[in-house]
């Protein structure tokens, strides 16, 4: 039964009871919420195998398969935290804000949940992207099938015909509800090149 359930009570009485419950919780050795992620707790969430094998993260994983962990109510990628525990001070727990900065981690094993420090290499985002392309892991979309595409093949066809007949870029942008730069990129061959 809830401590406040039962007899009707005044607002002042309820506030006093709530304050007493909060004070009791503060004094209690048991804290509510998730347990603190100490280094020993974090290492228990890694399935350590042989030195050359992948060490999968046993905790929560995001949709892409990367392990995630929370430390002091802030989320981090598990492989970054584990790498820092194995190699203190070499990287920050959060990825660099600048795309030009060094401090990104590349999985040389191409296995997102892997936390084996031997499989993680410090790099730039350009090196990480080049590795992804060289290994054929980058999804190659036809320009109109990309999740970011705003126009269909038919739209591209009719836009090019309309432009050849004298329609302005501004009018085409309004008609197709896209930006003027989207239309000019299409017309000058910077986008939709395969259509």
C-alpha atoms as a PDB file:
ATOM      1  CA  UNK A   1       0.000   0.000   0.000  1.00  0.00           C
ATOM      2  CA  UNK A   2       1.258   3.479  -0.902  1.00  0.00           C
ATOM      3  CA  UNK A   3       2.375   5.487   2.160  1.00  0.00           C
ATOM      4  CA  UNK A   4       0.040   8.362   1.258  1.00  0.00           C
ATOM      5  CA  UNK A   5      -3.015   6.155   0.564  1.00  0.00           C
ATOM      6  CA  UNK A   6      -5.776   5.638   3.108  1.00  0.00           C
ATOM      7  CA  UNK A   7      -7.319   8.504   5.055  1.00  0.00           C
ATOM      8  CA  UNK A   8      -7.994  11.944   3.533  1.00  0.00           C
ATOM      9  CA  UNK A   9      -5.168  14.337   4.277  1.00  0.00           C
ATOM     10  CA  UNK A  10      -4.494  18.063   4.028  1.00  0.00           C
ATOM     11  CA  UNK A  11      -1.982  19.490   1.574  1.00  0.00           C
ATOM     12  CA  UNK A  12       0.280  20.492   4.445  1.00  0.00           C
ATOM     13  CA  UNK A  13       0.165  16.983   5.926  1.00  0.00           C
ATOM     14  CA  UNK A  14       0.946  15.397   2.511  1.00  0.00           C
ATOM     15  CA  UNK A  15       3.866  17.807   1.942  1.00  0.00           C
ATOM     16  CA  UNK A  16       5.249  16.966   5.385  1.00  0.00           C
ATOM     17  CA  UNK A  17       5.020  13.201   4.690  1.00  0.00           C
ATOM     18  CA  UNK A  18       6.695  13.575   1.285  1.00  0.00           C
ATOM     19  CA  UNK A  19       9.516  15.621   2.813  1.00  0.00           C
ATOM     20  CA  UNK A  20      10.014  12.919   5.470  1.00  0.00           C
ATOM     21  CA  UNK A  21      10.142  10.195   2.754  1.00  0.00           C
ATOM     22  CA  UNK A  22      12.717  12.186   0.735  1.00  0.00           C
ATOM     23  CA  UNK A  23      14.902  12.676   3.824  1.00  0.00           C
ATOM     24  CA  UNK A  24      14.651   8.956   4.657  1.00  0.00           C
ATOM     25  CA  UNK A  25      15.756   8.052   1.115  1.00  0.00           C
ATOM     26  CA  UNK A  26      18.768  10.381   1.359  1.00  0.00           C
ATOM     27  CA  UNK A  27      19.901   8.609   4.532  1.00  0.00           C
ATOM     28  CA  UNK A  28      19.285   5.147   3.067  1.00  0.00           C
ATOM     29  CA  UNK A  29      22.369   3.204   1.850  1.00  0.00           C
ATOM     30  CA  UNK A  30      20.273   2.020  -1.127  1.00  0.00           C
ATOM     31  CA  UNK A  31      20.010   4.544  -3.963  1.00  0.00           C
ATOM     32  CA  UNK A  32      17.286   4.479  -6.579  1.00  0.00           C
ATOM     33  CA  UNK A  33      18.130   4.348 -10.282  1.00  0.00           C
ATOM     34  CA  UNK A  34      20.770   2.474 -12.232  1.00  0.00           C
ATOM     35  CA  UNK A  35      23.974   1.394 -10.483  1.00  0.00           C
ATOM     36  CA  UNK A  36      27.105   3.439 -10.968  1.00  0.00           C
ATOM     37  CA  UNK A  37      29.252   2.282 -13.886  1.00  0.00           C
ATOM     38  CA  UNK A  38      32.655   1.832 -12.276  1.00  0.00           C
ATOM     39  CA  UNK A  39      35.576   0.386 -14.281  1.00  0.00           C
ATOM     40  CA  UNK A  40      34.998  -3.079 -12.775  1.00  0.00           C
ATOM     41  CA  UNK A  41      31.271  -2.951 -13.668  1.00  0.00           C
ATOM     42  CA  UNK A  42      32.107  -1.827 -17.213  1.00  0.00           C
ATOM     43  CA  UNK A  43      34.661  -4.608 -17.747  1.00  0.00           C
ATOM     44  CA  UNK A  44      32.037  -7.166 -16.609  1.00  0.00           C
ATOM     45  CA  UNK A  45      29.903  -6.035 -19.572  1.00  0.00           C
ATOM     46  CA  UNK A  46      32.657  -7.032 -22.029  1.00  0.00           C
ATOM     47  CA  UNK A  47      32.924 -10.661 -23.161  1.00  0.00           C
ATOM     48  CA  UNK A  48      36.732 -10.925 -23.090  1.00  0.00           C
ATOM     49  CA  UNK A  49      37.949 -13.667 -25.368  1.00  0.00           C
ATOM     50  CA  UNK A  50      41.328 -14.353 -26.947  1.00  0.00           C
ATOM     51  CA  UNK A  51      43.642 -11.398 -27.676  1.00  0.00           C
ATOM     52  CA  UNK A  52      42.924 -11.561 -31.432  1.00  0.00           C
ATOM     53  CA  UNK A  53      39.172 -12.170 -31.114  1.00  0.00           C
ATOM     54  CA  UNK A  54      36.378  -9.616 -30.912  1.00  0.00           C
ATOM     55  CA  UNK A  55      35.208  -8.759 -27.399  1.00  0.00           C
ATOM     56  CA  UNK A  56      31.492  -8.046 -27.775  1.00  0.00           C
ATOM     57  CA  UNK A  57      29.696  -5.581 -25.512  1.00  0.00           C
ATOM     58  CA  UNK A  58      27.102  -7.466 -23.449  1.00  0.00           C
ATOM     59  CA  UNK A  59      25.133  -4.391 -22.363  1.00  0.00           C
ATOM     60  CA  UNK A  60      22.735  -2.205 -24.315  1.00  0.00           C
ATOM     61  CA  UNK A  61      23.390  -1.713 -28.045  1.00  0.00           C
ATOM     62  CA  UNK A  62      21.925   0.928 -30.334  1.00  0.00           C
ATOM     63  CA  UNK A  63      20.256   0.246 -33.702  1.00  0.00           C
ATOM     64  CA  UNK A  64      23.624   0.182 -35.493  1.00  0.00           C
ATOM     65  CA  UNK A  65      24.936  -2.430 -33.039  1.00  0.00           C
ATOM     66  CA  UNK A  66      27.307  -0.142 -31.108  1.00  0.00           C
ATOM     67  CA  UNK A  67      27.427  -0.634 -27.344  1.00  0.00           C
ATOM     68  CA  UNK A  68      26.200   2.272 -25.241  1.00  0.00           C
ATOM     69  CA  UNK A  69      26.784   3.015 -21.569  1.00  0.00           C
ATOM     70  CA  UNK A  70      25.808   5.771 -19.171  1.00  0.00           C
ATOM     71  CA  UNK A  71      28.181   7.386 -16.726  1.00  0.00           C
ATOM     72  CA  UNK A  72      26.831  10.113 -14.425  1.00  0.00           C
ATOM     73  CA  UNK A  73      23.649  10.296 -16.552  1.00  0.00           C
ATOM     74  CA  UNK A  74      25.514  10.943 -19.806  1.00  0.00           C
ATOM     75  CA  UNK A  75      25.598   8.432 -22.665  1.00  0.00           C
ATOM     76  CA  UNK A  76      28.833   7.260 -24.291  1.00  0.00           C
ATOM     77  CA  UNK A  77      29.854   4.634 -26.825  1.00  0.00           C
ATOM     78  CA  UNK A  78      31.049   1.615 -24.868  1.00  0.00           C
ATOM     79  CA  UNK A  79      34.049   0.946 -27.134  1.00  0.00           C
ATOM     80  CA  UNK A  80      35.350   4.494 -26.471  1.00  0.00           C
ATOM     81  CA  UNK A  81      35.041   4.093 -22.689  1.00  0.00           C
ATOM     82  CA  UNK A  82      36.668   0.640 -22.710  1.00  0.00           C
ATOM     83  CA  UNK A  83      39.493   1.894 -24.977  1.00  0.00           C
ATOM     84  CA  UNK A  84      40.123   4.729 -22.509  1.00  0.00           C
ATOM     85  CA  UNK A  85      40.166   2.294 -19.582  1.00  0.00           C
ATOM     86  CA  UNK A  86      42.792   0.204 -21.403  1.00  0.00           C
ATOM     87  CA  UNK A  87      44.753   3.235 -22.703  1.00  0.00           C
ATOM     88  CA  UNK A  88      44.131   6.093 -20.242  1.00  0.00           C
ATOM     89  CA  UNK A  89      44.189   9.635 -21.582  1.00  0.00           C
ATOM     90  CA  UNK A  90      44.617   8.818 -25.280  1.00  0.00           C
ATOM     91  CA  UNK A  91      41.057   9.832 -26.253  1.00  0.00           C
ATOM     92  CA  UNK A  92      38.055  11.582 -24.761  1.00  0.00           C
ATOM     93  CA  UNK A  93      34.923   9.563 -23.997  1.00  0.00           C
ATOM     94  CA  UNK A  94      32.916  11.770 -26.361  1.00  0.00           C
ATOM     95  CA  UNK A  95      33.852  11.847 -30.043  1.00  0.00           C
ATOM     96  CA  UNK A  96      35.564  15.069 -31.198  1.00  0.00           C
ATOM     97  CA  UNK A  97      33.213  17.913 -32.102  1.00  0.00           C
ATOM     98  CA  UNK A  98      35.347  18.926 -35.093  1.00  0.00           C
ATOM     99  CA  UNK A  99      35.284  16.603 -38.098  1.00  0.00           C
ATOM    100  CA  UNK A 100      38.945  17.516 -38.689  1.00  0.00           C
ATOM    101  CA  UNK A 101      40.070  16.475 -35.224  1.00  0.00           C
ATOM    102  CA  UNK A 102      41.911  13.302 -34.319  1.00  0.00           C
ATOM    103  CA  UNK A 103      40.282  11.131 -31.702  1.00  0.00           C
ATOM    104  CA  UNK A 104      37.782   9.075 -33.626  1.00  0.00           C
ATOM    105  CA  UNK A 105      38.017   5.309 -33.162  1.00  0.00           C
ATOM    106  CA  UNK A 106      37.965   2.925 -36.106  1.00  0.00           C
ATOM    107  CA  UNK A 107      36.931  -0.715 -35.653  1.00  0.00           C
ATOM    108  CA  UNK A 108      39.580  -2.540 -37.696  1.00  0.00           C
ATOM    109  CA  UNK A 109      37.463  -5.694 -37.300  1.00  0.00           C
ATOM    110  CA  UNK A 110      34.338  -3.955 -38.707  1.00  0.00           C
ATOM    111  CA  UNK A 111      32.299  -5.344 -35.789  1.00  0.00           C
ATOM    112  CA  UNK A 112      30.312  -2.499 -34.083  1.00  0.00           C
ATOM    113  CA  UNK A 113      29.855  -4.166 -30.637  1.00  0.00           C
ATOM    114  CA  UNK A 114      33.566  -5.088 -30.373  1.00  0.00           C
ATOM    115  CA  UNK A 115      35.393  -3.493 -27.433  1.00  0.00           C
ATOM    116  CA  UNK A 116      38.789  -5.207 -27.856  1.00  0.00           C
ATOM    117  CA  UNK A 117      41.301  -2.320 -27.609  1.00  0.00           C
ATOM    118  CA  UNK A 118      43.553  -4.169 -30.077  1.00  0.00           C
ATOM    119  CA  UNK A 119      40.778  -3.868 -32.694  1.00  0.00           C
ATOM    120  CA  UNK A 120      40.339  -0.115 -32.176  1.00  0.00           C
ATOM    121  CA  UNK A 121      42.549   2.434 -33.933  1.00  0.00           C
ATOM    122  CA  UNK A 122      42.681   6.176 -33.266  1.00  0.00           C
ATOM    123  CA  UNK A 123      42.032   8.071 -36.502  1.00  0.00           C
ATOM    124  CA  UNK A 124      40.375  11.075 -38.137  1.00  0.00           C
ATOM    125  CA  UNK A 125      36.859  10.929 -39.562  1.00  0.00           C
ATOM    126  CA  UNK A 126      38.367  11.035 -43.075  1.00  0.00           C
ATOM    127  CA  UNK A 127      40.490   7.948 -42.367  1.00  0.00           C
ATOM    128  CA  UNK A 128      37.453   6.182 -40.905  1.00  0.00           C
ATOM    129  CA  UNK A 129      35.336   7.061 -43.965  1.00  0.00           C
ATOM    130  CA  UNK A 130      38.103   5.986 -46.376  1.00  0.00           C
ATOM    131  CA  UNK A 131      38.336   2.641 -44.551  1.00  0.00           C
ATOM    132  CA  UNK A 132      34.572   2.186 -44.868  1.00  0.00           C
ATOM    133  CA  UNK A 133      34.654   2.917 -48.619  1.00  0.00           C
ATOM    134  CA  UNK A 134      37.716   0.713 -49.270  1.00  0.00           C
ATOM    135  CA  UNK A 135      36.017  -2.235 -47.569  1.00  0.00           C
ATOM    136  CA  UNK A 136      32.768  -1.744 -49.487  1.00  0.00           C
ATOM    137  CA  UNK A 137      30.689  -1.026 -46.395  1.00  0.00           C
ATOM    138  CA  UNK A 138      29.315   2.283 -47.664  1.00  0.00           C
ATOM    139  CA  UNK A 139      25.778   1.985 -48.971  1.00  0.00           C
ATOM    140  CA  UNK A 140      25.662   3.131 -52.598  1.00  0.00           C
ATOM    141  CA  UNK A 141      22.257   4.541 -53.482  1.00  0.00           C
ATOM    142  CA  UNK A 142      21.054   5.670 -56.845  1.00  0.00           C
ATOM    143  CA  UNK A 143      20.571   9.417 -56.341  1.00  0.00           C
ATOM    144  CA  UNK A 144      16.747   9.277 -56.417  1.00  0.00           C
ATOM    145  CA  UNK A 145      16.656   6.286 -54.024  1.00  0.00           C
ATOM    146  CA  UNK A 146      18.756   7.944 -51.330  1.00  0.00           C
ATOM    147  CA  UNK A 147      16.924   8.564 -48.040  1.00  0.00           C
ATOM    148  CA  UNK A 148      17.816  12.249 -48.470  1.00  0.00           C
ATOM    149  CA  UNK A 149      16.494  12.535 -52.052  1.00  0.00           C
ATOM    150  CA  UNK A 150      13.736  15.083 -52.523  1.00  0.00           C
ATOM    151  CA  UNK A 151      13.000  14.428 -56.180  1.00  0.00           C
ATOM    152  CA  UNK A 152      12.036  11.400 -58.261  1.00  0.00           C
ATOM    153  CA  UNK A 153      13.513  10.433 -61.646  1.00  0.00           C
ATOM    154  CA  UNK A 154      10.401  11.805 -63.321  1.00  0.00           C
ATOM    155  CA  UNK A 155      10.790  15.126 -61.458  1.00  0.00           C
ATOM    156  CA  UNK A 156      14.421  15.394 -62.609  1.00  0.00           C
ATOM    157  CA  UNK A 157      13.405  14.685 -66.218  1.00  0.00           C
ATOM    158  CA  UNK A 158      10.668  17.361 -66.246  1.00  0.00           C
ATOM    159  CA  UNK A 159      12.811  19.933 -64.411  1.00  0.00           C
ATOM    160  CA  UNK A 160      15.515  19.634 -67.061  1.00  0.00           C
ATOM    161  CA  UNK A 161      12.956  19.979 -69.878  1.00  0.00           C
ATOM    162  CA  UNK A 162      11.297  22.977 -68.190  1.00  0.00           C
ATOM    163  CA  UNK A 163      14.674  24.707 -67.726  1.00  0.00           C
ATOM    164  CA  UNK A 164      15.545  24.150 -71.398  1.00  0.00           C
ATOM    165  CA  UNK A 165      12.251  25.845 -72.302  1.00  0.00           C
ATOM    166  CA  UNK A 166      13.089  28.918 -70.215  1.00  0.00           C
ATOM    167  CA  UNK A 167      11.547  28.296 -66.782  1.00  0.00           C
ATOM    168  CA  UNK A 168      13.523  30.004 -64.014  1.00  0.00           C
ATOM    169  CA  UNK A 169      15.259  28.171 -61.189  1.00  0.00           C
ATOM    170  CA  UNK A 170      13.155  30.108 -58.675  1.00  0.00           C
ATOM    171  CA  UNK A 171       9.907  29.007 -60.343  1.00  0.00           C
ATOM    172  CA  UNK A 172      11.059  25.372 -60.470  1.00  0.00           C
ATOM    173  CA  UNK A 173      12.034  25.476 -56.793  1.00  0.00           C
ATOM    174  CA  UNK A 174       8.581  26.804 -55.858  1.00  0.00           C
ATOM    175  CA  UNK A 175       6.812  24.284 -58.095  1.00  0.00           C
ATOM    176  CA  UNK A 176       8.686  21.254 -56.676  1.00  0.00           C
ATOM    177  CA  UNK A 177       8.852  22.650 -53.103  1.00  0.00           C
ATOM    178  CA  UNK A 178      12.649  22.422 -52.843  1.00  0.00           C
ATOM    179  CA  UNK A 179      15.398  25.020 -52.445  1.00  0.00           C
ATOM    180  CA  UNK A 180      16.858  26.930 -55.365  1.00  0.00           C
ATOM    181  CA  UNK A 181      20.240  25.355 -54.631  1.00  0.00           C
ATOM    182  CA  UNK A 182      18.654  21.883 -55.008  1.00  0.00           C
ATOM    183  CA  UNK A 183      17.443  22.823 -58.513  1.00  0.00           C
ATOM    184  CA  UNK A 184      20.733  24.479 -59.519  1.00  0.00           C
ATOM    185  CA  UNK A 185      22.777  21.486 -58.239  1.00  0.00           C
ATOM    186  CA  UNK A 186      20.566  19.226 -60.355  1.00  0.00           C
ATOM    187  CA  UNK A 187      20.851  21.404 -63.467  1.00  0.00           C
ATOM    188  CA  UNK A 188      24.615  21.955 -63.250  1.00  0.00           C
ATOM    189  CA  UNK A 189      25.489  18.306 -62.601  1.00  0.00           C
ATOM    190  CA  UNK A 190      26.397  18.448 -58.904  1.00  0.00           C
ATOM    191  CA  UNK A 191      23.526  16.144 -57.928  1.00  0.00           C
ATOM    192  CA  UNK A 192      21.296  13.578 -59.655  1.00  0.00           C
ATOM    193  CA  UNK A 193      24.153  12.823 -62.058  1.00  0.00           C
ATOM    194  CA  UNK A 194      23.016   9.225 -62.606  1.00  0.00           C
ATOM    195  CA  UNK A 195      19.551  10.238 -63.839  1.00  0.00           C
END
